[in-house]
């Protein structure tokens, strides 16, 4: 777990989704905003994922993000804070290399018969 101190683009990394590092949380989140919904973006999709923050944990919505990005035990995720609770997320595999998806929009949103969103991988 680590925190970089570049104040213009604060970011942190976590092995999968555990808890937000205390240093990052107290410096950039706690007392700075009452907003509890994070917006996660990645290079793998044009979808912006909404995830709920409860304390120092990301809860509702994180499972959908994790599943859509095929994140597994041993993966590391870097969260780059872009402001206003928007984060650009970059996943790395157990080899410590960035996970490469086959093309920039690997995760496609499709509508089923009920027009409810579902996700598939090409």
PDB file of N, CA and C in Angstrom:
ATOM      1  N   UNK A   1       0.850  -1.160   0.000  1.00  0.00           N
ATOM      2  CA  UNK A   1       0.000   0.000   0.000  1.00  0.00           C
ATOM      3  C   UNK A   1       0.893   1.218   0.000  1.00  0.00           C
ATOM      4  N   UNK A   2       0.518   2.248  -0.732  1.00  0.00           N
ATOM      5  CA  UNK A   2       1.338   3.439  -0.772  1.00  0.00           C
ATOM      6  C   UNK A   2       0.532   4.671  -1.100  1.00  0.00           C
ATOM      7  N   UNK A   3       1.103   5.811  -0.744  1.00  0.00           N
ATOM      8  CA  UNK A   3       0.486   7.092  -1.036  1.00  0.00           C
ATOM      9  C   UNK A   3       1.555   8.009  -1.579  1.00  0.00           C
ATOM     10  N   UNK A   4       1.268   8.681  -2.706  1.00  0.00           N
ATOM     11  CA  UNK A   4       2.203   9.654  -3.256  1.00  0.00           C
ATOM     12  C   UNK A   4       1.757  11.032  -2.823  1.00  0.00           C
ATOM     13  N   UNK A   5       2.709  11.935  -2.648  1.00  0.00           N
ATOM     14  CA  UNK A   5       2.396  13.243  -2.113  1.00  0.00           C
ATOM     15  C   UNK A   5       2.319  14.343  -3.161  1.00  0.00           C
ATOM     16  N   UNK A   6       2.127  14.027  -4.417  1.00  0.00           N
ATOM     17  CA  UNK A   6       1.915  15.025  -5.450  1.00  0.00           C
ATOM     18  C   UNK A   6       0.539  15.639  -5.205  1.00  0.00           C
ATOM     19  N   UNK A   7       0.504  16.854  -4.682  1.00  0.00           N
ATOM     20  CA  UNK A   7      -0.758  17.480  -4.301  1.00  0.00           C
ATOM     21  C   UNK A   7      -1.645  17.822  -5.495  1.00  0.00           C
ATOM     22  N   UNK A   8      -1.061  17.977  -6.689  1.00  0.00           N
ATOM     23  CA  UNK A   8      -1.860  18.297  -7.868  1.00  0.00           C
ATOM     24  C   UNK A   8      -2.658  17.100  -8.364  1.00  0.00           C
ATOM     25  N   UNK A   9      -2.115  15.921  -8.224  1.00  0.00           N
ATOM     26  CA  UNK A   9      -2.777  14.697  -8.673  1.00  0.00           C
ATOM     27  C   UNK A   9      -2.607  13.613  -7.611  1.00  0.00           C
ATOM     28  N   UNK A  10      -3.249  13.762  -6.450  1.00  0.00           N
ATOM     29  CA  UNK A  10      -3.079  12.756  -5.406  1.00  0.00           C
ATOM     30  C   UNK A  10      -3.604  11.404  -5.873  1.00  0.00           C
ATOM     31  N   UNK A  11      -2.903  10.351  -5.516  1.00  0.00           N
ATOM     32  CA  UNK A  11      -3.328   9.014  -5.891  1.00  0.00           C
ATOM     33  C   UNK A  11      -2.777   8.005  -4.896  1.00  0.00           C
ATOM     34  N   UNK A  12      -3.363   6.806  -4.913  1.00  0.00           N
ATOM     35  CA  UNK A  12      -2.931   5.728  -4.035  1.00  0.00           C
ATOM     36  C   UNK A  12      -3.163   4.408  -4.747  1.00  0.00           C
ATOM     37  N   UNK A  13      -2.533   3.354  -4.228  1.00  0.00           N
ATOM     38  CA  UNK A  13      -2.809   2.039  -4.784  1.00  0.00           C
ATOM     39  C   UNK A  13      -3.214   1.098  -3.667  1.00  0.00           C
ATOM     40  N   UNK A  14      -4.014   0.111  -4.032  1.00  0.00           N
ATOM     41  CA  UNK A  14      -4.482  -0.891  -3.090  1.00  0.00           C
ATOM     42  C   UNK A  14      -4.519  -2.237  -3.787  1.00  0.00           C
ATOM     43  N   UNK A  15      -4.115  -3.286  -3.074  1.00  0.00           N
ATOM     44  CA  UNK A  15      -4.372  -4.624  -3.601  1.00  0.00           C
ATOM     45  C   UNK A  15      -5.886  -4.867  -3.546  1.00  0.00           C
ATOM     46  N   UNK A  16      -6.501  -4.908  -4.717  1.00  0.00           N
ATOM     47  CA  UNK A  16      -7.959  -5.034  -4.841  1.00  0.00           C
ATOM     48  C   UNK A  16      -8.648  -3.930  -4.058  1.00  0.00           C
ATOM     49  N   UNK A  17      -9.811  -4.198  -3.492  1.00  0.00           N
ATOM     50  CA  UNK A  17     -10.541  -3.192  -2.719  1.00  0.00           C
ATOM     51  C   UNK A  17     -10.551  -3.624  -1.262  1.00  0.00           C
ATOM     52  N   UNK A  18      -9.710  -3.038  -0.467  1.00  0.00           N
ATOM     53  CA  UNK A  18      -9.742  -3.319   0.960  1.00  0.00           C
ATOM     54  C   UNK A  18     -10.213  -2.053   1.662  1.00  0.00           C
ATOM     55  N   UNK A  19      -9.310  -1.277   2.216  1.00  0.00           N
ATOM     56  CA  UNK A  19      -9.682   0.005   2.800  1.00  0.00           C
ATOM     57  C   UNK A  19      -8.838   1.107   2.172  1.00  0.00           C
ATOM     58  N   UNK A  20      -9.378   2.306   2.186  1.00  0.00           N
ATOM     59  CA  UNK A  20      -8.649   3.464   1.671  1.00  0.00           C
ATOM     60  C   UNK A  20      -7.535   3.762   2.665  1.00  0.00           C
ATOM     61  N   UNK A  21      -6.300   3.946   2.216  1.00  0.00           N
ATOM     62  CA  UNK A  21      -5.197   4.220   3.145  1.00  0.00           C
ATOM     63  C   UNK A  21      -5.511   5.441   4.016  1.00  0.00           C
ATOM     64  N   UNK A  22      -5.211   5.321   5.304  1.00  0.00           N
ATOM     65  CA  UNK A  22      -5.515   6.373   6.265  1.00  0.00           C
ATOM     66  C   UNK A  22      -4.904   7.714   5.860  1.00  0.00           C
ATOM     67  N   UNK A  23      -3.643   7.716   5.417  1.00  0.00           N
ATOM     68  CA  UNK A  23      -2.987   8.959   5.025  1.00  0.00           C
ATOM     69  C   UNK A  23      -3.707   9.657   3.888  1.00  0.00           C
ATOM     70  N   UNK A  24      -4.113   8.897   2.873  1.00  0.00           N
ATOM     71  CA  UNK A  24      -4.841   9.472   1.739  1.00  0.00           C
ATOM     72  C   UNK A  24      -6.208   9.957   2.196  1.00  0.00           C
ATOM     73  N   UNK A  25      -6.893   9.128   2.971  1.00  0.00           N
ATOM     74  CA  UNK A  25      -8.240   9.455   3.429  1.00  0.00           C
ATOM     75  C   UNK A  25      -8.247  10.741   4.250  1.00  0.00           C
ATOM     76  N   UNK A  26      -7.345  10.843   5.214  1.00  0.00           N
ATOM     77  CA  UNK A  26      -7.348  12.017   6.093  1.00  0.00           C
ATOM     78  C   UNK A  26      -6.879  13.278   5.376  1.00  0.00           C
ATOM     79  N   UNK A  27      -6.038  13.146   4.358  1.00  0.00           N
ATOM     80  CA  UNK A  27      -5.529  14.313   3.633  1.00  0.00           C
ATOM     81  C   UNK A  27      -6.470  14.780   2.528  1.00  0.00           C
ATOM     82  N   UNK A  28      -7.106  13.852   1.818  1.00  0.00           N
ATOM     83  CA  UNK A  28      -7.849  14.225   0.614  1.00  0.00           C
ATOM     84  C   UNK A  28      -9.354  13.982   0.667  1.00  0.00           C
ATOM     85  N   UNK A  29      -9.836  13.229   1.648  1.00  0.00           N
ATOM     86  CA  UNK A  29     -11.258  12.881   1.663  1.00  0.00           C
ATOM     87  C   UNK A  29     -11.951  13.406   2.921  1.00  0.00           C
ATOM     88  N   UNK A  30     -11.497  12.964   4.073  1.00  0.00           N
ATOM     89  CA  UNK A  30     -12.147  13.283   5.345  1.00  0.00           C
ATOM     90  C   UNK A  30     -12.198  14.795   5.572  1.00  0.00           C
ATOM     91  N   UNK A  31     -13.394  15.312   5.802  1.00  0.00           N
ATOM     92  CA  UNK A  31     -13.570  16.733   6.059  1.00  0.00           C
ATOM     93  C   UNK A  31     -13.507  17.613   4.824  1.00  0.00           C
ATOM     94  N   UNK A  32     -13.208  17.048   3.667  1.00  0.00           N
ATOM     95  CA  UNK A  32     -13.105  17.827   2.423  1.00  0.00           C
ATOM     96  C   UNK A  32     -14.415  17.827   1.638  1.00  0.00           C
ATOM     97  N   UNK A  33     -15.206  16.795   1.835  1.00  0.00           N
ATOM     98  CA  UNK A  33     -16.452  16.663   1.079  1.00  0.00           C
ATOM     99  C   UNK A  33     -17.440  15.811   1.866  1.00  0.00           C
ATOM    100  N   UNK A  34     -18.706  16.061   1.659  1.00  0.00           N
ATOM    101  CA  UNK A  34     -19.751  15.213   2.238  1.00  0.00           C
ATOM    102  C   UNK A  34     -20.215  14.172   1.232  1.00  0.00           C
ATOM    103  N   UNK A  35     -19.712  14.265   0.022  1.00  0.00           N
ATOM    104  CA  UNK A  35     -20.097  13.348  -1.048  1.00  0.00           C
ATOM    105  C   UNK A  35     -19.579  11.950  -0.738  1.00  0.00           C
ATOM    106  N   UNK A  36     -20.447  10.956  -0.839  1.00  0.00           N
ATOM    107  CA  UNK A  36     -20.082   9.570  -0.542  1.00  0.00           C
ATOM    108  C   UNK A  36     -20.094   8.685  -1.778  1.00  0.00           C
ATOM    109  N   UNK A  37     -20.350   9.266  -2.939  1.00  0.00           N
ATOM    110  CA  UNK A  37     -20.342   8.495  -4.179  1.00  0.00           C
ATOM    111  C   UNK A  37     -19.090   8.833  -4.965  1.00  0.00           C
ATOM    112  N   UNK A  38     -18.278   7.820  -5.209  1.00  0.00           N
ATOM    113  CA  UNK A  38     -17.079   7.971  -6.035  1.00  0.00           C
ATOM    114  C   UNK A  38     -17.449   7.605  -7.460  1.00  0.00           C
ATOM    115  N   UNK A  39     -16.833   8.280  -8.411  1.00  0.00           N
ATOM    116  CA  UNK A  39     -16.990   7.936  -9.823  1.00  0.00           C
ATOM    117  C   UNK A  39     -15.663   7.378 -10.297  1.00  0.00           C
ATOM    118  N   UNK A  40     -15.693   6.138 -10.762  1.00  0.00           N
ATOM    119  CA  UNK A  40     -14.483   5.451 -11.204  1.00  0.00           C
ATOM    120  C   UNK A  40     -14.472   5.361 -12.721  1.00  0.00           C
ATOM    121  N   UNK A  41     -13.354   5.767 -13.307  1.00  0.00           N
ATOM    122  CA  UNK A  41     -13.147   5.676 -14.753  1.00  0.00           C
ATOM    123  C   UNK A  41     -11.922   4.821 -15.004  1.00  0.00           C
ATOM    124  N   UNK A  42     -11.898   4.181 -16.152  1.00  0.00           N
ATOM    125  CA  UNK A  42     -10.715   3.404 -16.533  1.00  0.00           C
ATOM    126  C   UNK A  42     -10.548   3.472 -18.040  1.00  0.00           C
ATOM    127  N   UNK A  43      -9.383   3.070 -18.507  1.00  0.00           N
ATOM    128  CA  UNK A  43      -9.133   3.037 -19.946  1.00  0.00           C
ATOM    129  C   UNK A  43      -9.808   1.846 -20.616  1.00  0.00           C
ATOM    130  N   UNK A  44     -10.383   0.946 -19.823  1.00  0.00           N
ATOM    131  CA  UNK A  44     -11.004  -0.258 -20.370  1.00  0.00           C
ATOM    132  C   UNK A  44     -12.432  -0.026 -20.843  1.00  0.00           C
ATOM    133  N   UNK A  45     -13.013   1.124 -20.489  1.00  0.00           N
ATOM    134  CA  UNK A  45     -14.417   1.334 -20.798  1.00  0.00           C
ATOM    135  C   UNK A  45     -14.742   2.820 -20.829  1.00  0.00           C
ATOM    136  N   UNK A  46     -15.808   3.146 -21.534  1.00  0.00           N
ATOM    137  CA  UNK A  46     -16.318   4.509 -21.513  1.00  0.00           C
ATOM    138  C   UNK A  46     -17.330   4.694 -20.390  1.00  0.00           C
ATOM    139  N   UNK A  47     -17.625   3.635 -19.675  1.00  0.00           N
ATOM    140  CA  UNK A  47     -18.577   3.682 -18.568  1.00  0.00           C
ATOM    141  C   UNK A  47     -17.911   4.345 -17.368  1.00  0.00           C
ATOM    142  N   UNK A  48     -18.658   5.195 -16.669  1.00  0.00           N
ATOM    143  CA  UNK A  48     -18.222   5.730 -15.382  1.00  0.00           C
ATOM    144  C   UNK A  48     -18.992   4.964 -14.317  1.00  0.00           C
ATOM    145  N   UNK A  49     -18.246   4.304 -13.436  1.00  0.00           N
ATOM    146  CA  UNK A  49     -18.837   3.453 -12.411  1.00  0.00           C
ATOM    147  C   UNK A  49     -19.044   4.265 -11.143  1.00  0.00           C
ATOM    148  N   UNK A  50     -20.218   4.161 -10.535  1.00  0.00           N
ATOM    149  CA  UNK A  50     -20.484   4.829  -9.269  1.00  0.00           C
ATOM    150  C   UNK A  50     -20.356   3.816  -8.145  1.00  0.00           C
ATOM    151  N   UNK A  51     -19.537   4.179  -7.153  1.00  0.00           N
ATOM    152  CA  UNK A  51     -19.250   3.301  -6.022  1.00  0.00           C
ATOM    153  C   UNK A  51     -19.469   4.102  -4.745  1.00  0.00           C
ATOM    154  N   UNK A  52     -20.092   3.495  -3.764  1.00  0.00           N
ATOM    155  CA  UNK A  52     -20.395   4.165  -2.503  1.00  0.00           C
ATOM    156  C   UNK A  52     -19.243   3.994  -1.519  1.00  0.00           C
ATOM    157  N   UNK A  53     -18.866   5.106  -0.872  1.00  0.00           N
ATOM    158  CA  UNK A  53     -17.845   5.095   0.179  1.00  0.00           C
ATOM    159  C   UNK A  53     -18.553   5.047   1.528  1.00  0.00           C
ATOM    160  N   UNK A  54     -18.173   4.101   2.362  1.00  0.00           N
ATOM    161  CA  UNK A  54     -18.674   4.001   3.734  1.00  0.00           C
ATOM    162  C   UNK A  54     -17.458   3.939   4.635  1.00  0.00           C
ATOM    163  N   UNK A  55     -17.199   5.035   5.345  1.00  0.00           N
ATOM    164  CA  UNK A  55     -15.972   5.117   6.137  1.00  0.00           C
ATOM    165  C   UNK A  55     -14.784   5.110   5.197  1.00  0.00           C
ATOM    166  N   UNK A  56     -13.837   4.207   5.444  1.00  0.00           N
ATOM    167  CA  UNK A  56     -12.661   4.090   4.580  1.00  0.00           C
ATOM    168  C   UNK A  56     -12.780   2.924   3.610  1.00  0.00           C
ATOM    169  N   UNK A  57     -13.993   2.473   3.376  1.00  0.00           N
ATOM    170  CA  UNK A  57     -14.202   1.351   2.457  1.00  0.00           C
ATOM    171  C   UNK A  57     -15.085   1.780   1.291  1.00  0.00           C
ATOM    172  N   UNK A  58     -14.860   1.157   0.149  1.00  0.00           N
ATOM    173  CA  UNK A  58     -15.755   1.302  -0.994  1.00  0.00           C
ATOM    174  C   UNK A  58     -16.660   0.081  -0.982  1.00  0.00           C
ATOM    175  N   UNK A  59     -17.967   0.310  -1.003  1.00  0.00           N
ATOM    176  CA  UNK A  59     -18.903  -0.801  -0.836  1.00  0.00           C
ATOM    177  C   UNK A  59     -19.763  -0.957  -2.088  1.00  0.00           C
ATOM    178  N   UNK A  60     -20.998  -0.564  -2.030  1.00  0.00           N
ATOM    179  CA  UNK A  60     -21.935  -0.783  -3.134  1.00  0.00           C
ATOM    180  C   UNK A  60     -21.378  -0.263  -4.454  1.00  0.00           C
ATOM    181  N   UNK A  61     -21.411  -1.109  -5.448  1.00  0.00           N
ATOM    182  CA  UNK A  61     -20.928  -0.758  -6.774  1.00  0.00           C
ATOM    183  C   UNK A  61     -19.531  -1.268  -7.068  1.00  0.00           C
ATOM    184  N   UNK A  62     -18.723  -1.497  -6.034  1.00  0.00           N
ATOM    185  CA  UNK A  62     -17.344  -1.944  -6.273  1.00  0.00           C
ATOM    186  C   UNK A  62     -17.309  -3.355  -6.842  1.00  0.00           C
ATOM    187  N   UNK A  63     -18.276  -4.190  -6.469  1.00  0.00           N
ATOM    188  CA  UNK A  63     -18.295  -5.558  -7.001  1.00  0.00           C
ATOM    189  C   UNK A  63     -18.546  -5.543  -8.513  1.00  0.00           C
ATOM    190  N   UNK A  64     -19.450  -4.683  -8.970  1.00  0.00           N
ATOM    191  CA  UNK A  64     -19.712  -4.573 -10.413  1.00  0.00           C
ATOM    192  C   UNK A  64     -18.464  -4.104 -11.152  1.00  0.00           C
ATOM    193  N   UNK A  65     -17.769  -3.105 -10.591  1.00  0.00           N
ATOM    194  CA  UNK A  65     -16.540  -2.601 -11.201  1.00  0.00           C
ATOM    195  C   UNK A  65     -15.484  -3.707 -11.250  1.00  0.00           C
ATOM    196  N   UNK A  66     -15.331  -4.419 -10.137  1.00  0.00           N
ATOM    197  CA  UNK A  66     -14.347  -5.498 -10.045  1.00  0.00           C
ATOM    198  C   UNK A  66     -14.643  -6.601 -11.054  1.00  0.00           C
ATOM    199  N   UNK A  67     -15.894  -7.009 -11.143  1.00  0.00           N
ATOM    200  CA  UNK A  67     -16.289  -8.068 -12.071  1.00  0.00           C
ATOM    201  C   UNK A  67     -16.088  -7.629 -13.520  1.00  0.00           C
ATOM    202  N   UNK A  68     -16.512  -6.427 -13.854  1.00  0.00           N
ATOM    203  CA  UNK A  68     -16.395  -5.944 -15.233  1.00  0.00           C
ATOM    204  C   UNK A  68     -14.944  -5.833 -15.677  1.00  0.00           C
ATOM    205  N   UNK A  69     -14.037  -5.545 -14.735  1.00  0.00           N
ATOM    206  CA  UNK A  69     -12.617  -5.413 -15.068  1.00  0.00           C
ATOM    207  C   UNK A  69     -11.841  -6.707 -14.814  1.00  0.00           C
ATOM    208  N   UNK A  70     -12.566  -7.768 -14.461  1.00  0.00           N
ATOM    209  CA  UNK A  70     -11.967  -9.083 -14.235  1.00  0.00           C
ATOM    210  C   UNK A  70     -10.815  -9.010 -13.229  1.00  0.00           C
ATOM    211  N   UNK A  71     -11.008  -8.221 -12.159  1.00  0.00           N
ATOM    212  CA  UNK A  71      -9.974  -8.110 -11.130  1.00  0.00           C
ATOM    213  C   UNK A  71      -9.999  -9.349 -10.250  1.00  0.00           C
ATOM    214  N   UNK A  72      -8.814  -9.792  -9.863  1.00  0.00           N
ATOM    215  CA  UNK A  72      -8.671 -11.028  -9.089  1.00  0.00           C
ATOM    216  C   UNK A  72      -7.750 -10.813  -7.906  1.00  0.00           C
ATOM    217  N   UNK A  73      -7.731 -11.782  -7.008  1.00  0.00           N
ATOM    218  CA  UNK A  73      -6.815 -11.732  -5.871  1.00  0.00           C
ATOM    219  C   UNK A  73      -5.398 -11.616  -6.401  1.00  0.00           C
ATOM    220  N   UNK A  74      -4.641 -10.693  -5.847  1.00  0.00           N
ATOM    221  CA  UNK A  74      -3.272 -10.460  -6.292  1.00  0.00           C
ATOM    222  C   UNK A  74      -3.137  -9.253  -7.199  1.00  0.00           C
ATOM    223  N   UNK A  75      -4.266  -8.776  -7.755  1.00  0.00           N
ATOM    224  CA  UNK A  75      -4.233  -7.576  -8.585  1.00  0.00           C
ATOM    225  C   UNK A  75      -4.096  -6.343  -7.694  1.00  0.00           C
ATOM    226  N   UNK A  76      -3.495  -5.311  -8.239  1.00  0.00           N
ATOM    227  CA  UNK A  76      -3.326  -4.037  -7.547  1.00  0.00           C
ATOM    228  C   UNK A  76      -4.032  -2.984  -8.381  1.00  0.00           C
ATOM    229  N   UNK A  77      -4.707  -2.065  -7.712  1.00  0.00           N
ATOM    230  CA  UNK A  77      -5.451  -1.028  -8.410  1.00  0.00           C
ATOM    231  C   UNK A  77      -4.940   0.336  -7.956  1.00  0.00           C
ATOM    232  N   UNK A  78      -4.574   1.196  -8.912  1.00  0.00           N
ATOM    233  CA  UNK A  78      -4.140   2.556  -8.600  1.00  0.00           C
ATOM    234  C   UNK A  78      -5.314   3.495  -8.851  1.00  0.00           C
ATOM    235  N   UNK A  79      -5.619   4.304  -7.847  1.00  0.00           N
ATOM    236  CA  UNK A  79      -6.693   5.287  -7.918  1.00  0.00           C
ATOM    237  C   UNK A  79      -6.071   6.674  -8.014  1.00  0.00           C
ATOM    238  N   UNK A  80      -6.267   7.347  -9.124  1.00  0.00           N
ATOM    239  CA  UNK A  80      -5.753   8.711  -9.300  1.00  0.00           C
ATOM    240  C   UNK A  80      -6.921   9.686  -9.148  1.00  0.00           C
ATOM    241  N   UNK A  81      -6.852  10.516  -8.110  1.00  0.00           N
ATOM    242  CA  UNK A  81      -7.935  11.453  -7.817  1.00  0.00           C
ATOM    243  C   UNK A  81      -7.905  12.607  -8.807  1.00  0.00           C
ATOM    244  N   UNK A  82      -8.973  12.751  -9.586  1.00  0.00           N
ATOM    245  CA  UNK A  82      -9.052  13.808 -10.586  1.00  0.00           C
ATOM    246  C   UNK A  82      -9.846  15.008 -10.083  1.00  0.00           C
ATOM    247  N   UNK A  83     -10.340  14.938  -8.855  1.00  0.00           N
ATOM    248  CA  UNK A  83     -11.147  16.006  -8.276  1.00  0.00           C
ATOM    249  C   UNK A  83     -12.612  15.640  -8.233  1.00  0.00           C
ATOM    250  N   UNK A  84     -13.352  16.280  -7.313  1.00  0.00           N
ATOM    251  CA  UNK A  84     -14.798  16.097  -7.188  1.00  0.00           C
ATOM    252  C   UNK A  84     -15.189  14.623  -7.080  1.00  0.00           C
ATOM    253  N   UNK A  85     -14.402  13.850  -6.356  1.00  0.00           N
ATOM    254  CA  UNK A  85     -14.634  12.427  -6.102  1.00  0.00           C
ATOM    255  C   UNK A  85     -14.653  11.577  -7.374  1.00  0.00           C
ATOM    256  N   UNK A  86     -13.940  12.025  -8.392  1.00  0.00           N
ATOM    257  CA  UNK A  86     -13.749  11.260  -9.625  1.00  0.00           C
ATOM    258  C   UNK A  86     -12.333  10.702  -9.597  1.00  0.00           C
ATOM    259  N   UNK A  87     -12.209   9.392  -9.862  1.00  0.00           N
ATOM    260  CA  UNK A  87     -10.917   8.715  -9.835  1.00  0.00           C
ATOM    261  C   UNK A  87     -10.689   7.978 -11.145  1.00  0.00           C
ATOM    262  N   UNK A  88      -9.488   8.118 -11.698  1.00  0.00           N
ATOM    263  CA  UNK A  88      -9.084   7.288 -12.829  1.00  0.00           C
ATOM    264  C   UNK A  88      -8.405   6.065 -12.228  1.00  0.00           C
ATOM    265  N   UNK A  89      -8.882   4.894 -12.600  1.00  0.00           N
ATOM    266  CA  UNK A  89      -8.424   3.644 -12.000  1.00  0.00           C
ATOM    267  C   UNK A  89      -7.599   2.861 -13.014  1.00  0.00           C
ATOM    268  N   UNK A  90      -6.414   2.418 -12.574  1.00  0.00           N
ATOM    269  CA  UNK A  90      -5.535   1.614 -13.424  1.00  0.00           C
ATOM    270  C   UNK A  90      -5.229   0.303 -12.707  1.00  0.00           C
ATOM    271  N   UNK A  91      -5.670  -0.835 -13.254  1.00  0.00           N
ATOM    272  CA  UNK A  91      -5.396  -2.128 -12.623  1.00  0.00           C
ATOM    273  C   UNK A  91      -4.061  -2.726 -13.085  1.00  0.00           C
ATOM    274  N   UNK A  92      -3.366  -3.358 -12.149  1.00  0.00           N
ATOM    275  CA  UNK A  92      -2.120  -4.075 -12.413  1.00  0.00           C
ATOM    276  C   UNK A  92      -2.305  -5.515 -11.956  1.00  0.00           C
ATOM    277  N   UNK A  93      -1.756  -6.451 -12.720  1.00  0.00           N
ATOM    278  CA  UNK A  93      -1.831  -7.862 -12.371  1.00  0.00           C
ATOM    279  C   UNK A  93      -0.768  -8.251 -11.364  1.00  0.00           C
ATOM    280  N   UNK A  94      -0.732  -9.526 -10.968  1.00  0.00           N
ATOM    281  CA  UNK A  94       0.244 -10.009  -9.988  1.00  0.00           C
ATOM    282  C   UNK A  94       1.691  -9.837 -10.442  1.00  0.00           C
ATOM    283  N   UNK A  95       1.909  -9.676 -11.748  1.00  0.00           N
ATOM    284  CA  UNK A  95       3.268  -9.469 -12.263  1.00  0.00           C
ATOM    285  C   UNK A  95       3.715  -8.017 -12.095  1.00  0.00           C
ATOM    286  N   UNK A  96       2.824  -7.186 -11.520  1.00  0.00           N
ATOM    287  CA  UNK A  96       3.066  -5.744 -11.332  1.00  0.00           C
ATOM    288  C   UNK A  96       3.076  -4.986 -12.651  1.00  0.00           C
ATOM    289  N   UNK A  97       2.511  -5.576 -13.695  1.00  0.00           N
ATOM    290  CA  UNK A  97       2.368  -4.904 -14.987  1.00  0.00           C
ATOM    291  C   UNK A  97       0.906  -4.493 -15.157  1.00  0.00           C
ATOM    292  N   UNK A  98       0.707  -3.366 -15.823  1.00  0.00           N
ATOM    293  CA  UNK A  98      -0.648  -2.897 -16.063  1.00  0.00           C
ATOM    294  C   UNK A  98      -1.419  -3.938 -16.867  1.00  0.00           C
ATOM    295  N   UNK A  99      -2.647  -4.195 -16.463  1.00  0.00           N
ATOM    296  CA  UNK A  99      -3.492  -5.134 -17.190  1.00  0.00           C
ATOM    297  C   UNK A  99      -3.864  -4.498 -18.520  1.00  0.00           C
ATOM    298  N   UNK A 100      -3.584  -5.198 -19.598  1.00  0.00           N
ATOM    299  CA  UNK A 100      -3.875  -4.710 -20.944  1.00  0.00           C
ATOM    300  C   UNK A 100      -5.150  -5.380 -21.437  1.00  0.00           C
ATOM    301  N   UNK A 101      -6.124  -4.570 -21.762  1.00  0.00           N
ATOM    302  CA  UNK A 101      -7.355  -5.086 -22.333  1.00  0.00           C
ATOM    303  C   UNK A 101      -7.196  -5.084 -23.851  1.00  0.00           C
ATOM    304  N   UNK A 102      -7.982  -5.875 -24.558  1.00  0.00           N
ATOM    305  CA  UNK A 102      -7.773  -6.045 -25.994  1.00  0.00           C
ATOM    306  C   UNK A 102      -7.979  -4.771 -26.796  1.00  0.00           C
ATOM    307  N   UNK A 103      -8.853  -3.901 -26.353  1.00  0.00           N
ATOM    308  CA  UNK A 103      -9.027  -2.595 -26.991  1.00  0.00           C
ATOM    309  C   UNK A 103      -9.627  -1.641 -25.967  1.00  0.00           C
ATOM    310  N   UNK A 104      -9.579  -0.332 -26.208  1.00  0.00           N
ATOM    311  CA  UNK A 104      -9.974   0.642 -25.195  1.00  0.00           C
ATOM    312  C   UNK A 104     -11.402   0.530 -24.697  1.00  0.00           C
ATOM    313  N   UNK A 105     -12.275  -0.070 -25.435  1.00  0.00           N
ATOM    314  CA  UNK A 105     -13.658  -0.187 -24.983  1.00  0.00           C
ATOM    315  C   UNK A 105     -14.039  -1.646 -24.827  1.00  0.00           C
ATOM    316  N   UNK A 106     -13.224  -2.413 -24.121  1.00  0.00           N
ATOM    317  CA  UNK A 106     -13.469  -3.849 -23.966  1.00  0.00           C
ATOM    318  C   UNK A 106     -14.785  -4.132 -23.261  1.00  0.00           C
ATOM    319  N   UNK A 107     -15.158  -3.277 -22.355  1.00  0.00           N
ATOM    320  CA  UNK A 107     -16.378  -3.501 -21.598  1.00  0.00           C
ATOM    321  C   UNK A 107     -17.496  -2.747 -22.303  1.00  0.00           C
ATOM    322  N   UNK A 108     -18.420  -3.482 -22.889  1.00  0.00           N
ATOM    323  CA  UNK A 108     -19.492  -2.857 -23.647  1.00  0.00           C
ATOM    324  C   UNK A 108     -20.793  -2.970 -22.875  1.00  0.00           C
ATOM    325  N   UNK A 109     -21.536  -1.886 -22.859  1.00  0.00           N
ATOM    326  CA  UNK A 109     -22.841  -1.897 -22.231  1.00  0.00           C
ATOM    327  C   UNK A 109     -23.855  -2.363 -23.264  1.00  0.00           C
ATOM    328  N   UNK A 110     -24.650  -3.339 -22.885  1.00  0.00           N
ATOM    329  CA  UNK A 110     -25.669  -3.855 -23.784  1.00  0.00           C
ATOM    330  C   UNK A 110     -27.007  -3.823 -23.073  1.00  0.00           C
ATOM    331  N   UNK A 111     -28.072  -3.725 -23.821  1.00  0.00           N
ATOM    332  CA  UNK A 111     -29.405  -3.743 -23.234  1.00  0.00           C
ATOM    333  C   UNK A 111     -30.025  -5.109 -23.473  1.00  0.00           C
ATOM    334  N   UNK A 112     -30.651  -5.653 -22.405  1.00  0.00           N
ATOM    335  CA  UNK A 112     -31.359  -6.920 -22.588  1.00  0.00           C
ATOM    336  C   UNK A 112     -32.824  -6.613 -22.897  1.00  0.00           C
ATOM    337  N   UNK A 113     -33.668  -7.596 -22.837  1.00  0.00           N
ATOM    338  CA  UNK A 113     -35.070  -7.412 -23.199  1.00  0.00           C
ATOM    339  C   UNK A 113     -35.762  -6.375 -22.321  1.00  0.00           C
ATOM    340  N   UNK A 114     -35.336  -6.237 -21.075  1.00  0.00           N
ATOM    341  CA  UNK A 114     -35.935  -5.272 -20.157  1.00  0.00           C
ATOM    342  C   UNK A 114     -35.245  -3.919 -20.208  1.00  0.00           C
ATOM    343  N   UNK A 115     -34.296  -3.740 -21.107  1.00  0.00           N
ATOM    344  CA  UNK A 115     -33.490  -2.528 -21.216  1.00  0.00           C
ATOM    345  C   UNK A 115     -32.651  -2.257 -19.973  1.00  0.00           C
ATOM    346  N   UNK A 116     -32.451  -3.266 -19.138  1.00  0.00           N
ATOM    347  CA  UNK A 116     -31.556  -3.122 -17.990  1.00  0.00           C
ATOM    348  C   UNK A 116     -30.134  -3.346 -18.482  1.00  0.00           C
ATOM    349  N   UNK A 117     -29.170  -2.555 -17.987  1.00  0.00           N
ATOM    350  CA  UNK A 117     -27.801  -2.717 -18.482  1.00  0.00           C
ATOM    351  C   UNK A 117     -27.193  -4.042 -18.053  1.00  0.00           C
ATOM    352  N   UNK A 118     -26.466  -4.643 -18.952  1.00  0.00           N
ATOM    353  CA  UNK A 118     -25.667  -5.819 -18.633  1.00  0.00           C
ATOM    354  C   UNK A 118     -24.315  -5.607 -19.286  1.00  0.00           C
ATOM    355  N   UNK A 119     -23.337  -6.380 -18.899  1.00  0.00           N
ATOM    356  CA  UNK A 119     -21.991  -6.157 -19.381  1.00  0.00           C
ATOM    357  C   UNK A 119     -21.420  -7.445 -19.936  1.00  0.00           C
ATOM    358  N   UNK A 120     -20.646  -7.316 -21.009  1.00  0.00           N
ATOM    359  CA  UNK A 120     -20.001  -8.485 -21.587  1.00  0.00           C
ATOM    360  C   UNK A 120     -18.608  -8.100 -22.030  1.00  0.00           C
ATOM    361  N   UNK A 121     -17.760  -9.095 -22.199  1.00  0.00           N
ATOM    362  CA  UNK A 121     -16.396  -8.890 -22.654  1.00  0.00           C
ATOM    363  C   UNK A 121     -16.280  -9.396 -24.076  1.00  0.00           C
ATOM    364  N   UNK A 122     -15.663  -8.600 -24.955  1.00  0.00           N
ATOM    365  CA  UNK A 122     -15.433  -9.045 -26.332  1.00  0.00           C
ATOM    366  C   UNK A 122     -14.249  -9.980 -26.369  1.00  0.00           C
TER     367      UNK A 122
END
